[in-house]
Structure formats: C-alpha cells, structure tokens
Amino acid sequence: MKKAIAIAGIHTNIGKTIAAAVIAEAIGADYWKPVQAGIRERDADLLKKLLIDGTNRVHDEAVLLSQPLSPHTAAEIDNIEINFKKFTWPETDKLLLVETAGGLLSPMSANSTMADFITHYNLPTILVTMNYLGSINHTLLTIEVLKSRGIKVLGLIVNGLQNESSEQFILNYSGIPFIARIPYISDLTNEGIQRYAMQLKPILLPLVYQG
C-alpha cells in the first residue's frame, strides 16, 4: 500500500467530500471512498467531475451498497459482509486520500467502525469539522478517540461559517494544528475547487509529505 491519508469527520453531512476535493487538487492526490452507501449519489461520481483528470484519479469503492443508510444496515439489506481487512486497495503512485463515511465511530460493518478501519491501516488523519451548537464536544471527542488509538492527527479543517471562539477553544484544548477553513463553495466545479486548492497548497504540501 502506498502512502495514504484518511479524511475523517466528526459527523455526517459536514463537507468531508468537498474538503477531500480541495485537498486532492491542492496536493495532486488520488481519491478513494472504501465504502459507499447509496448508489444514486456516489461521492466518487462527484469527485470525478470536480478533479482534474478525475476519471483516472478517483478509484472505485471496495464496497458499493444500494441503500443510503448506515453501512452496517445497508450491508444487511444487500446481504453483503464487509471486512475491511480484506479490501483491495487502489493501485496508484500518487498519495491516496481515503474518505470515511459519517463520523469517526460510525459503523463500517456490523462489527466495526470507521475508527477501526483507520487504526488497522494506521492512517494519519485530517479531521473535518463544522461549527454548530455541540460541535466543540463532537470535535474534541473525535480527537480523543484518534489520540487514544495512536493515530496521528495532521490537523483540522473547518467547513462553512467561522466561529472564532469555538475554533480557538478546540485548538487550545486539543493541541492539534489548524489547517484551513473552507467556506461554503457555491461554484461546485473544478474551477471553484481550484480557487481554494491554490490557497491551501502551500499549507498542505509540507504537512502531508513531511508531517
């Protein structure tokens, strides 16, 4: 397995996929979401549109489930057994961004979580958060889980609106680095993603290749 970095989140629907697109463009990485629940809105399809040469840089899922539900429930409906230890990883010479589903302790299978997957492959992790009432708790709990498992947290990306007080508390309390804030991107095209990618490039390149 080549070098890989996990893109994990504190919750579902907080913008991990858009953050992954910006990061991938900034550092020239490939993208892979091992488990996708729901075939109508596949994150891989979106990334293929957003990334330069996305068809070649976005890799097919290890497990594609029919229903947009928690993976353990969707797998039961599809009568599929998910064993992340047996995943066939994409063949690529590029750094690989690996996006997990939902929050860090969301199920990946009937008996495992996204955190178990990250821990098994010892993936350094970029954590994506968003400001809302309760996000301080959710973010710090997620960081505690990562640290308790010996996972290196490369830093924090904040999606959406700024809340300086919340963000500063999280950074001061946890001690993890702040990478960037990605505001709401209304222009979901490669050009829109590129604008933010170029801003993050000088921050991300040394972080992911030397961190």
Protein backbone atom coordinates (compact mmCIF):
# COMPACT_ATOMS: atom_id res chain seq x y z
CA MET A 1 0.00 0.00 0.00
CA LYS A 2 1.31 3.42 -0.98
CA LYS A 3 1.13 6.43 1.33
CA ALA A 4 -2.44 7.23 2.28
CA ILE A 5 -4.21 9.79 4.45
CA ALA A 6 -7.68 9.44 5.94
CA ILE A 7 -10.22 12.22 5.63
CA ALA A 8 -12.45 11.71 8.67
CA GLY A 9 -15.32 13.73 10.09
CA ILE A 10 -16.97 14.48 13.39
CA HIS A 11 -20.43 13.86 11.93
CA THR A 12 -22.27 13.12 8.72
CA ASN A 13 -23.02 15.86 6.15
CA ILE A 14 -20.29 18.23 7.27
CA GLY A 15 -18.45 18.51 3.97
CA LYS A 16 -15.80 15.79 4.02
CA THR A 17 -16.21 15.13 0.30
CA ILE A 18 -15.77 18.78 -0.71
CA ALA A 19 -12.81 19.09 1.66
CA ALA A 20 -11.33 15.96 0.07
CA ALA A 21 -11.75 17.51 -3.40
CA VAL A 22 -9.95 20.69 -2.36
CA ILE A 23 -7.15 18.75 -0.65
CA ALA A 24 -6.75 16.39 -3.60
CA GLU A 25 -6.38 19.29 -6.03
CA ALA A 26 -4.02 21.15 -3.71
CA ILE A 27 -1.55 18.25 -3.38
CA GLY A 28 -2.23 16.24 -6.55
CA ALA A 29 -3.61 13.23 -4.68
CA ASP A 30 -5.93 10.43 -5.77
CA TYR A 31 -9.26 9.79 -4.03
CA TRP A 32 -10.93 6.66 -2.68
CA LYS A 33 -14.03 6.11 -0.57
CA PRO A 34 -13.83 2.45 0.51
CA VAL A 35 -17.50 2.06 1.49
CA GLN A 36 -20.31 3.94 -0.25
CA ALA A 37 -23.88 3.53 0.97
CA GLY A 38 -26.30 4.62 -1.73
CA ILE A 39 -25.81 4.25 -5.47
CA ARG A 40 -27.74 7.31 -6.65
CA GLU A 41 -25.40 9.94 -5.16
CA ARG A 42 -21.95 8.42 -5.15
CA ASP A 43 -19.21 10.66 -3.80
CA ALA A 44 -16.85 9.11 -6.34
CA ASP A 45 -19.02 10.41 -9.19
CA LEU A 46 -18.91 13.94 -7.77
CA LEU A 47 -15.13 13.83 -7.34
CA LYS A 48 -14.67 12.65 -10.92
CA LYS A 49 -16.36 15.87 -12.03
CA LEU A 50 -14.53 18.15 -9.60
CA LEU A 51 -10.95 16.92 -10.04
CA ILE A 52 -8.68 17.49 -12.99
CA ASP A 53 -8.37 14.10 -14.71
CA GLY A 54 -10.89 12.83 -12.17
CA THR A 55 -11.70 9.68 -14.13
CA ASN A 56 -8.17 8.41 -13.54
CA ARG A 57 -7.67 9.81 -10.05
CA VAL A 58 -10.91 8.65 -8.43
CA HIS A 59 -10.97 4.94 -7.61
CA ASP A 60 -13.95 2.62 -7.34
CA GLU A 61 -15.26 1.70 -3.93
CA ALA A 62 -14.29 -1.54 -2.23
CA VAL A 63 -17.96 -1.90 -1.27
CA LEU A 64 -20.89 -0.22 -3.02
CA LEU A 65 -24.21 -0.59 -1.20
CA SER A 66 -27.60 0.08 -2.73
CA GLN A 67 -29.27 1.99 0.11
CA PRO A 68 -28.28 5.43 1.55
CA LEU A 69 -28.20 4.12 5.12
CA SER A 70 -25.59 3.39 7.74
CA PRO A 71 -23.23 0.87 6.08
CA HIS A 72 -23.96 -1.91 8.56
CA THR A 73 -27.70 -1.61 7.87
CA ALA A 74 -27.27 -1.21 4.10
CA ALA A 75 -24.96 -4.23 4.01
CA GLU A 76 -27.55 -6.34 5.81
CA ILE A 77 -30.18 -5.34 3.25
CA ASP A 78 -27.83 -6.21 0.37
CA ASN A 79 -26.69 -9.41 2.11
CA ILE A 80 -23.07 -8.29 1.92
CA GLU A 81 -20.40 -8.94 4.54
CA ILE A 82 -17.91 -6.10 4.92
CA ASN A 83 -14.42 -7.00 6.09
CA PHE A 84 -12.08 -4.04 5.76
CA LYS A 85 -9.04 -6.23 6.43
CA LYS A 86 -9.65 -7.87 3.04
CA PHE A 87 -10.12 -4.69 0.99
CA THR A 88 -8.17 -4.49 -2.23
CA TRP A 89 -6.58 -1.06 -2.24
CA PRO A 90 -6.30 1.04 -5.41
CA GLU A 91 -3.14 0.84 -7.46
CA THR A 92 -1.64 4.32 -7.69
CA ASP A 93 1.73 6.04 -7.47
CA LYS A 94 0.10 9.13 -6.00
CA LEU A 95 -0.74 9.85 -2.42
CA LEU A 96 -4.22 8.47 -1.74
CA LEU A 97 -6.92 10.35 0.15
CA VAL A 98 -9.24 7.87 1.85
CA GLU A 99 -12.62 9.32 2.81
CA THR A 100 -14.53 7.56 5.54
CA ALA A 101 -18.33 7.70 5.90
CA GLY A 102 -20.19 9.56 8.61
CA GLY A 103 -18.47 10.28 11.90
CA LEU A 104 -15.38 8.53 13.25
CA LEU A 105 -17.33 5.96 15.27
CA SER A 106 -19.99 5.41 12.63
CA PRO A 107 -20.28 1.75 11.65
CA MET A 108 -18.30 0.42 8.72
CA SER A 109 -19.77 -3.04 9.16
CA ALA A 110 -21.86 -4.99 11.64
CA ASN A 111 -18.88 -5.25 14.00
CA SER A 112 -16.50 -2.41 13.13
CA THR A 113 -16.33 1.38 12.94
CA MET A 114 -14.55 3.87 10.70
CA ALA A 115 -12.07 4.32 13.54
CA ASP A 116 -11.27 0.60 13.47
CA PHE A 117 -10.51 0.87 9.75
CA ILE A 118 -8.22 3.88 10.23
CA THR A 119 -6.48 2.21 13.16
CA HIS A 120 -5.92 -1.09 11.34
CA TYR A 121 -4.15 0.64 8.45
CA ASN A 122 -2.51 3.24 10.73
CA LEU A 123 -3.63 6.13 8.53
CA PRO A 124 -2.61 9.65 9.51
CA THR A 125 -5.79 11.67 9.55
CA ILE A 126 -7.11 15.07 8.58
CA LEU A 127 -10.21 15.82 10.62
CA VAL A 128 -13.08 17.80 9.11
CA THR A 129 -15.43 19.72 11.37
CA MET A 130 -18.15 22.35 11.08
CA ASN A 131 -19.38 24.97 13.53
CA TYR A 132 -22.78 24.27 15.09
CA LEU A 133 -24.10 24.07 18.63
CA GLY A 134 -22.47 20.93 20.06
CA SER A 135 -19.61 20.77 17.57
CA ILE A 136 -16.98 21.54 20.21
CA ASN A 137 -17.98 18.38 22.07
CA HIS A 138 -18.19 16.28 18.91
CA THR A 139 -14.83 17.53 17.66
CA LEU A 140 -12.97 17.03 20.92
CA LEU A 141 -14.48 13.57 21.42
CA THR A 142 -13.33 12.60 17.92
CA ILE A 143 -9.83 13.90 18.57
CA GLU A 144 -9.70 11.98 21.86
CA VAL A 145 -10.61 8.74 20.07
CA LEU A 146 -7.93 9.30 17.42
CA LYS A 147 -5.29 10.08 20.03
CA SER A 148 -6.26 7.12 22.22
CA ARG A 149 -5.67 4.81 19.25
CA GLY A 150 -2.29 6.32 18.45
CA ILE A 151 -3.49 7.85 15.19
CA LYS A 152 -1.55 10.90 14.04
CA VAL A 153 -3.90 13.86 13.56
CA LEU A 154 -2.37 16.02 10.85
CA GLY A 155 -4.74 18.87 11.54
CA LEU A 156 -8.22 20.30 11.48
CA ILE A 157 -10.21 21.65 8.54
CA VAL A 158 -13.29 23.74 9.32
CA ASN A 159 -16.06 23.78 6.75
CA GLY A 160 -18.54 26.59 6.43
CA LEU A 161 -19.06 29.62 8.66
CA GLN A 162 -16.46 30.84 11.09
CA ASN A 163 -16.88 30.74 14.86
CA GLU A 164 -13.61 32.02 16.24
CA SER A 165 -14.47 31.32 19.88
CA SER A 166 -15.38 27.68 19.24
CA GLU A 167 -12.46 27.04 16.94
CA GLN A 168 -9.93 28.58 19.31
CA PHE A 169 -11.22 26.51 22.22
CA ILE A 170 -10.88 23.31 20.20
CA LEU A 171 -7.35 24.13 19.07
CA ASN A 172 -6.17 25.27 22.51
CA TYR A 173 -7.66 22.28 24.29
CA SER A 174 -6.62 19.60 21.80
CA GLY A 175 -3.28 20.98 20.66
CA ILE A 176 -3.81 19.83 17.08
CA PRO A 177 -2.85 22.12 14.17
CA PHE A 178 -5.36 24.25 12.30
CA ILE A 179 -5.05 23.65 8.55
CA ALA A 180 -7.66 25.86 6.95
CA ARG A 181 -11.24 26.99 6.75
CA ILE A 182 -13.17 26.12 3.60
CA PRO A 183 -16.18 28.42 3.25
CA TYR A 184 -19.35 27.30 1.53
CA ILE A 185 -18.47 26.74 -2.14
CA SER A 186 -21.41 27.70 -4.32
CA ASP A 187 -19.44 27.06 -7.52
CA LEU A 188 -19.14 23.27 -7.38
CA THR A 189 -16.99 22.97 -10.50
CA ASN A 190 -13.34 22.22 -10.97
CA GLU A 191 -12.70 25.95 -11.29
CA GLY A 192 -14.43 26.60 -7.97
CA ILE A 193 -12.46 23.86 -6.23
CA GLN A 194 -9.20 25.09 -7.79
CA ARG A 195 -9.54 28.55 -6.27
CA TYR A 196 -9.45 27.16 -2.75
CA ALA A 197 -6.93 24.44 -3.59
CA MET A 198 -4.37 27.01 -4.68
CA GLN A 199 -4.80 28.85 -1.37
CA LEU A 200 -4.25 25.66 0.62
CA LYS A 201 -1.42 24.25 -1.44
CA PRO A 202 1.49 25.91 0.43
CA ILE A 203 -0.01 24.79 3.75
CA LEU A 204 -0.91 21.23 2.78
CA LEU A 205 2.14 20.14 0.78
CA PRO A 206 4.65 20.23 3.66
CA LEU A 207 2.05 18.92 6.09
CA VAL A 208 1.14 15.75 4.19
CA TYR A 209 4.50 14.93 2.64
CA GLN A 210 6.70 15.74 5.62
CA GLY A 211 4.29 15.57 8.52
